Amino acid sequence: MVIFALPYFCTVKKAPILFLCLLCSVLSWAQTDTKPKYPHFRPTFDLDGKFTWVSNQSAKLFGIRVGAEIDRVNRFGMGYYALKDPVYTTSLSEISPQINRAVLNMSYSSIYYERVIHYSKKYEWAANIQAGIGRIEGNYVYLNGTSGNYASPFQMTELSTTFYRHLTYFISIGGGIGYRQTFNTPQELRPIYNAPIVILKVRFQPIKMVRGLWNKEIRHRY
C-alpha cells in the first residue's frame, strides 16, 4: 500500500484519512489473491471532471491525472485541476453581508492514492485520497461601491469514492461523490471553498488498447 507523507497529514484532523486507507486495504485484501493475471505495473491516464460548489454556487472543475497502477488495486499519481469558468455570485456573506457581487476562482495541483475495493469484468468500485496545493482568488464589490479582493495559496484534502463502468477493455467511465476540505487559508475563506463534490471520470488506457490489437488475452483482463 502506498501512502504519501505530507507534513500536514500528520495531525489528529487527518486521522480519518489514514483510517480510510487501512479500511480499503482490509476490504480488498481477498481480491488481491484471486484476481486474473494482470501486469504488476502499468501507467494510467484520467480525464477527471467534478461538479462542486464555491460559496454555495455550482461550479465545474476540470482536471487531468497521470499516474501508475500496481497489482491492479493500487493507483497513485499527480493531477491538475481548475475551474472551467470563474464563479459569479451576488453575495459573499462569508466575508461580509455588505457584498453584493463577487467573482471567485480556484486552481490546484495534487497527488492522489486510489484503492480498488471491488472489481469485476464490467464494474469497479474505488476509494480515493487526494491532497494538493493551489491558489484561490476573489474580487468583490460592496453595496457602497467600494471593492476588495484576496489571493491566497491554500492546501486541500479530498476524500471520495468512485464507481466505474468498463465500456471496453481500454476505456472506462466513472461517477462518484466526495468532499473537499481546505487548510492554511484565512478562516473566513474556508467556508467558501469547503464543499461536496460530484465526480465524472473517463479513464483511457492507450498502451492496453494497442497491445490488445495483437494479444487477445489482454482484451479479457479486468
Protein backbone atom coordinates (compact mmCIF):
# COMPACT_ATOMS: atom_id res chain seq x y z
CA MET A 1 0.00 0.00 0.00
CA VAL A 2 1.28 3.44 -0.91
CA ILE A 3 0.90 6.36 1.48
CA PHE A 4 2.04 9.89 0.58
CA ALA A 5 3.63 11.53 3.59
CA LEU A 6 2.77 15.19 3.55
CA PRO A 7 3.60 17.25 6.63
CA TYR A 8 0.08 18.46 7.15
CA PHE A 9 -1.31 14.91 7.04
CA CYS A 10 0.30 14.12 10.36
CA THR A 11 -2.31 15.71 12.59
CA VAL A 12 -5.29 14.43 14.51
CA LYS A 13 -7.64 16.02 11.95
CA LYS A 14 -6.24 13.78 9.22
CA ALA A 15 -6.55 10.56 11.19
CA PRO A 16 -9.75 9.59 9.27
CA ILE A 17 -7.73 9.66 6.05
CA LEU A 18 -5.25 7.10 7.34
CA PHE A 19 -8.11 5.05 8.73
CA LEU A 20 -9.78 5.02 5.31
CA CYS A 21 -6.56 3.71 3.73
CA LEU A 22 -6.45 0.85 6.23
CA LEU A 23 -10.15 0.07 5.77
CA CYS A 24 -9.84 -0.08 2.00
CA SER A 25 -6.86 -2.44 2.30
CA VAL A 26 -8.81 -4.80 4.53
CA LEU A 27 -11.90 -4.79 2.29
CA SER A 28 -9.94 -5.60 -0.87
CA TRP A 29 -7.37 -7.97 0.61
CA ALA A 30 -9.12 -11.13 -0.56
CA GLN A 31 -9.29 -9.91 -4.15
CA THR A 32 -5.56 -9.42 -4.50
CA ASP A 33 -5.03 -13.16 -4.19
CA THR A 34 -7.72 -14.21 -6.68
CA LYS A 35 -7.55 -11.53 -9.39
CA PRO A 36 -6.99 -12.56 -13.02
CA LYS A 37 -3.47 -12.44 -14.43
CA TYR A 38 -2.58 -8.78 -14.66
CA PRO A 39 0.60 -6.67 -15.10
CA HIS A 40 2.44 -5.76 -11.91
CA PHE A 41 2.82 -2.18 -13.17
CA ARG A 42 1.09 -0.08 -15.79
CA PRO A 43 0.68 3.66 -16.49
CA THR A 44 -2.73 5.36 -16.12
CA PHE A 45 -4.33 8.45 -17.63
CA ASP A 46 -7.63 10.02 -16.50
CA LEU A 47 -9.76 12.96 -17.55
CA ASP A 48 -11.36 13.99 -14.27
CA GLY A 49 -14.38 16.31 -14.17
CA LYS A 50 -16.04 17.42 -10.95
CA PHE A 51 -19.19 19.33 -10.10
CA THR A 52 -18.74 21.26 -6.88
CA TRP A 53 -19.82 24.37 -5.01
CA VAL A 54 -17.96 27.62 -4.35
CA SER A 55 -19.70 29.96 -1.91
CA ASN A 56 -22.88 27.88 -2.38
CA GLN A 57 -22.75 28.42 -6.15
CA SER A 58 -22.41 25.46 -8.50
CA ALA A 59 -19.10 25.20 -10.35
CA LYS A 60 -17.30 22.84 -12.72
CA LEU A 61 -13.74 21.66 -12.07
CA PHE A 62 -11.83 20.08 -14.92
CA GLY A 63 -8.67 18.08 -14.32
CA ILE A 64 -6.19 15.63 -15.75
CA ARG A 65 -4.45 12.83 -13.86
CA VAL A 66 -1.33 10.89 -14.81
CA GLY A 67 -0.06 8.03 -12.70
CA ALA A 68 0.55 4.31 -12.33
CA GLU A 69 -1.27 1.20 -11.17
CA ILE A 70 0.38 -1.52 -9.06
CA ASP A 71 -1.05 -5.05 -8.86
CA ARG A 72 -4.42 -3.93 -10.18
CA VAL A 73 -5.67 -2.39 -6.92
CA ASN A 74 -3.21 0.41 -6.03
CA ARG A 75 -3.17 3.61 -8.09
CA PHE A 76 -1.22 6.78 -7.46
CA GLY A 77 -0.02 9.81 -9.38
CA MET A 78 -0.40 13.55 -9.91
CA GLY A 79 -3.13 15.80 -11.25
CA TYR A 80 -4.00 19.39 -12.08
CA TYR A 81 -7.45 20.99 -11.62
CA ALA A 82 -9.01 24.37 -12.39
CA LEU A 83 -12.49 25.87 -12.53
CA LYS A 84 -13.91 25.81 -16.04
CA ASP A 85 -15.23 29.36 -15.50
CA PRO A 86 -14.96 31.82 -12.60
CA VAL A 87 -17.86 31.67 -10.16
CA TYR A 88 -20.12 34.75 -10.20
CA THR A 89 -22.25 35.38 -7.13
CA THR A 90 -24.49 38.20 -5.90
CA SER A 91 -23.36 37.86 -2.30
CA LEU A 92 -20.35 36.77 -0.27
CA SER A 93 -21.69 36.57 3.26
CA GLU A 94 -18.70 34.51 4.38
CA ILE A 95 -16.67 37.75 4.25
CA SER A 96 -19.35 40.44 4.67
CA PRO A 97 -23.15 40.77 4.31
CA GLN A 98 -22.48 44.12 2.61
CA ILE A 99 -21.01 42.47 -0.51
CA ASN A 100 -23.49 42.41 -3.40
CA ARG A 101 -21.41 40.79 -6.15
CA ALA A 102 -18.20 38.80 -6.44
CA VAL A 103 -16.07 36.78 -8.86
CA LEU A 104 -14.23 33.75 -7.43
CA ASN A 105 -11.63 31.38 -8.83
CA MET A 106 -9.60 28.33 -7.80
CA SER A 107 -6.91 26.01 -9.21
CA TYR A 108 -4.61 23.42 -7.67
CA SER A 109 -2.12 20.63 -8.29
CA SER A 110 -2.39 17.40 -6.33
CA ILE A 111 -1.15 13.92 -5.67
CA TYR A 112 -3.57 11.05 -5.19
CA TYR A 113 -3.82 7.48 -3.97
CA GLU A 114 -6.71 5.30 -5.13
CA ARG A 115 -7.51 1.86 -3.75
CA VAL A 116 -9.77 -0.51 -5.69
CA ILE A 117 -12.18 -2.09 -3.23
CA HIS A 118 -14.10 -4.31 -5.66
CA TYR A 119 -13.80 -5.14 -9.34
CA SER A 120 -15.29 -7.44 -11.95
CA LYS A 121 -15.24 -7.63 -15.73
CA LYS A 122 -17.76 -4.79 -16.11
CA TYR A 123 -17.67 -2.85 -12.86
CA GLU A 124 -15.26 -1.39 -10.32
CA TRP A 125 -15.52 0.46 -7.03
CA ALA A 126 -12.64 2.50 -5.63
CA ALA A 127 -11.83 4.91 -2.79
CA ASN A 128 -9.60 7.92 -3.37
CA ILE A 129 -7.47 10.22 -1.22
CA GLN A 130 -6.18 13.40 -2.81
CA ALA A 131 -4.01 16.17 -1.39
CA GLY A 132 -2.68 19.28 -3.06
CA ILE A 133 -1.68 22.91 -3.06
CA GLY A 134 -3.09 25.72 -5.15
CA ARG A 135 -4.37 29.26 -5.26
CA ILE A 136 -7.77 30.81 -4.55
CA GLU A 137 -8.74 34.29 -5.73
CA GLY A 138 -11.70 36.61 -5.36
CA ASN A 139 -12.81 40.09 -6.34
CA TYR A 140 -15.89 41.65 -4.76
CA VAL A 141 -17.87 44.89 -4.57
CA TYR A 142 -19.66 46.29 -1.51
CA LEU A 143 -23.10 47.93 -1.56
CA ASN A 144 -21.47 51.37 -1.21
CA GLY A 145 -19.44 50.82 -4.39
CA THR A 146 -16.05 50.12 -2.84
CA SER A 147 -14.22 46.95 -3.85
CA GLY A 148 -11.91 44.38 -2.34
CA ASN A 149 -10.03 41.27 -3.29
CA TYR A 150 -8.00 38.37 -1.98
CA ALA A 151 -5.42 35.99 -3.45
CA SER A 152 -4.16 33.24 -1.21
CA PRO A 153 -2.30 29.95 -1.53
CA PHE A 154 -4.11 27.03 0.03
CA GLN A 155 -3.79 23.35 0.83
CA MET A 156 -6.59 20.89 0.27
CA THR A 157 -7.53 17.33 1.09
CA GLU A 158 -10.24 15.44 -0.74
CA LEU A 159 -11.87 12.12 0.10
CA SER A 160 -14.07 10.44 -2.49
CA THR A 161 -15.44 7.17 -3.76
CA THR A 162 -15.99 6.31 -7.42
CA PHE A 163 -17.94 3.64 -9.27
CA TYR A 164 -16.58 2.70 -12.72
CA ARG A 165 -18.25 1.00 -15.70
CA HIS A 166 -15.87 -0.61 -18.20
CA LEU A 167 -17.08 0.19 -21.71
CA THR A 168 -14.26 -1.65 -23.49
CA TYR A 169 -11.05 -3.26 -22.35
CA PHE A 170 -9.29 0.13 -22.56
CA ILE A 171 -11.99 2.74 -21.78
CA SER A 172 -13.97 3.17 -18.54
CA ILE A 173 -16.32 5.85 -17.29
CA GLY A 174 -16.84 6.63 -13.63
CA GLY A 175 -19.01 8.62 -11.27
CA GLY A 176 -18.83 9.28 -7.56
CA ILE A 177 -19.11 11.64 -4.61
CA GLY A 178 -16.69 13.19 -2.15
CA TYR A 179 -15.79 16.20 -0.03
CA ARG A 180 -13.06 18.87 -0.31
CA GLN A 181 -11.51 20.45 2.80
CA THR A 182 -9.13 23.43 2.60
CA PHE A 183 -6.37 24.42 5.02
CA ASN A 184 -3.82 27.17 5.61
CA THR A 185 -6.13 29.94 4.45
CA PRO A 186 -7.79 32.78 6.38
CA GLN A 187 -10.64 31.39 8.47
CA GLU A 188 -13.31 33.43 6.67
CA LEU A 189 -12.31 32.00 3.28
CA ARG A 190 -12.56 28.31 4.18
CA PRO A 191 -16.38 28.07 4.05
CA ILE A 192 -16.24 29.47 0.52
CA TYR A 193 -14.21 26.55 -0.83
CA ASN A 194 -15.00 23.68 1.55
CA ALA A 195 -17.70 21.74 -0.28
CA PRO A 196 -19.05 18.40 -1.51
CA ILE A 197 -18.07 17.22 -4.98
CA VAL A 198 -19.75 15.07 -7.64
CA ILE A 199 -17.25 13.23 -9.83
CA LEU A 200 -17.32 12.29 -13.51
CA LYS A 201 -14.32 10.46 -15.00
CA VAL A 202 -13.12 8.95 -18.24
CA ARG A 203 -10.21 6.54 -17.96
CA PHE A 204 -8.27 5.77 -21.14
CA GLN A 205 -5.56 3.09 -21.42
CA PRO A 206 -3.77 3.69 -24.76
CA ILE A 207 -0.99 1.13 -24.21
CA LYS A 208 -3.50 -1.59 -23.36
CA MET A 209 -5.53 -0.62 -26.43
CA VAL A 210 -2.54 -1.01 -28.77
CA ARG A 211 -1.32 -4.25 -27.18
CA GLY A 212 -4.83 -5.69 -27.42
CA LEU A 213 -4.73 -5.39 -31.21
CA TRP A 214 -2.48 -8.46 -31.45
CA ASN A 215 -2.77 -10.01 -27.97
CA LYS A 216 -6.37 -11.12 -27.45
CA GLU A 217 -5.65 -12.25 -23.89
CA ILE A 218 -5.21 -8.60 -22.88
CA ARG A 219 -8.77 -7.86 -24.02
CA HIS A 220 -10.10 -10.17 -21.32
CA ARG A 221 -8.15 -8.68 -18.41
CA TYR A 222 -10.22 -6.66 -15.95
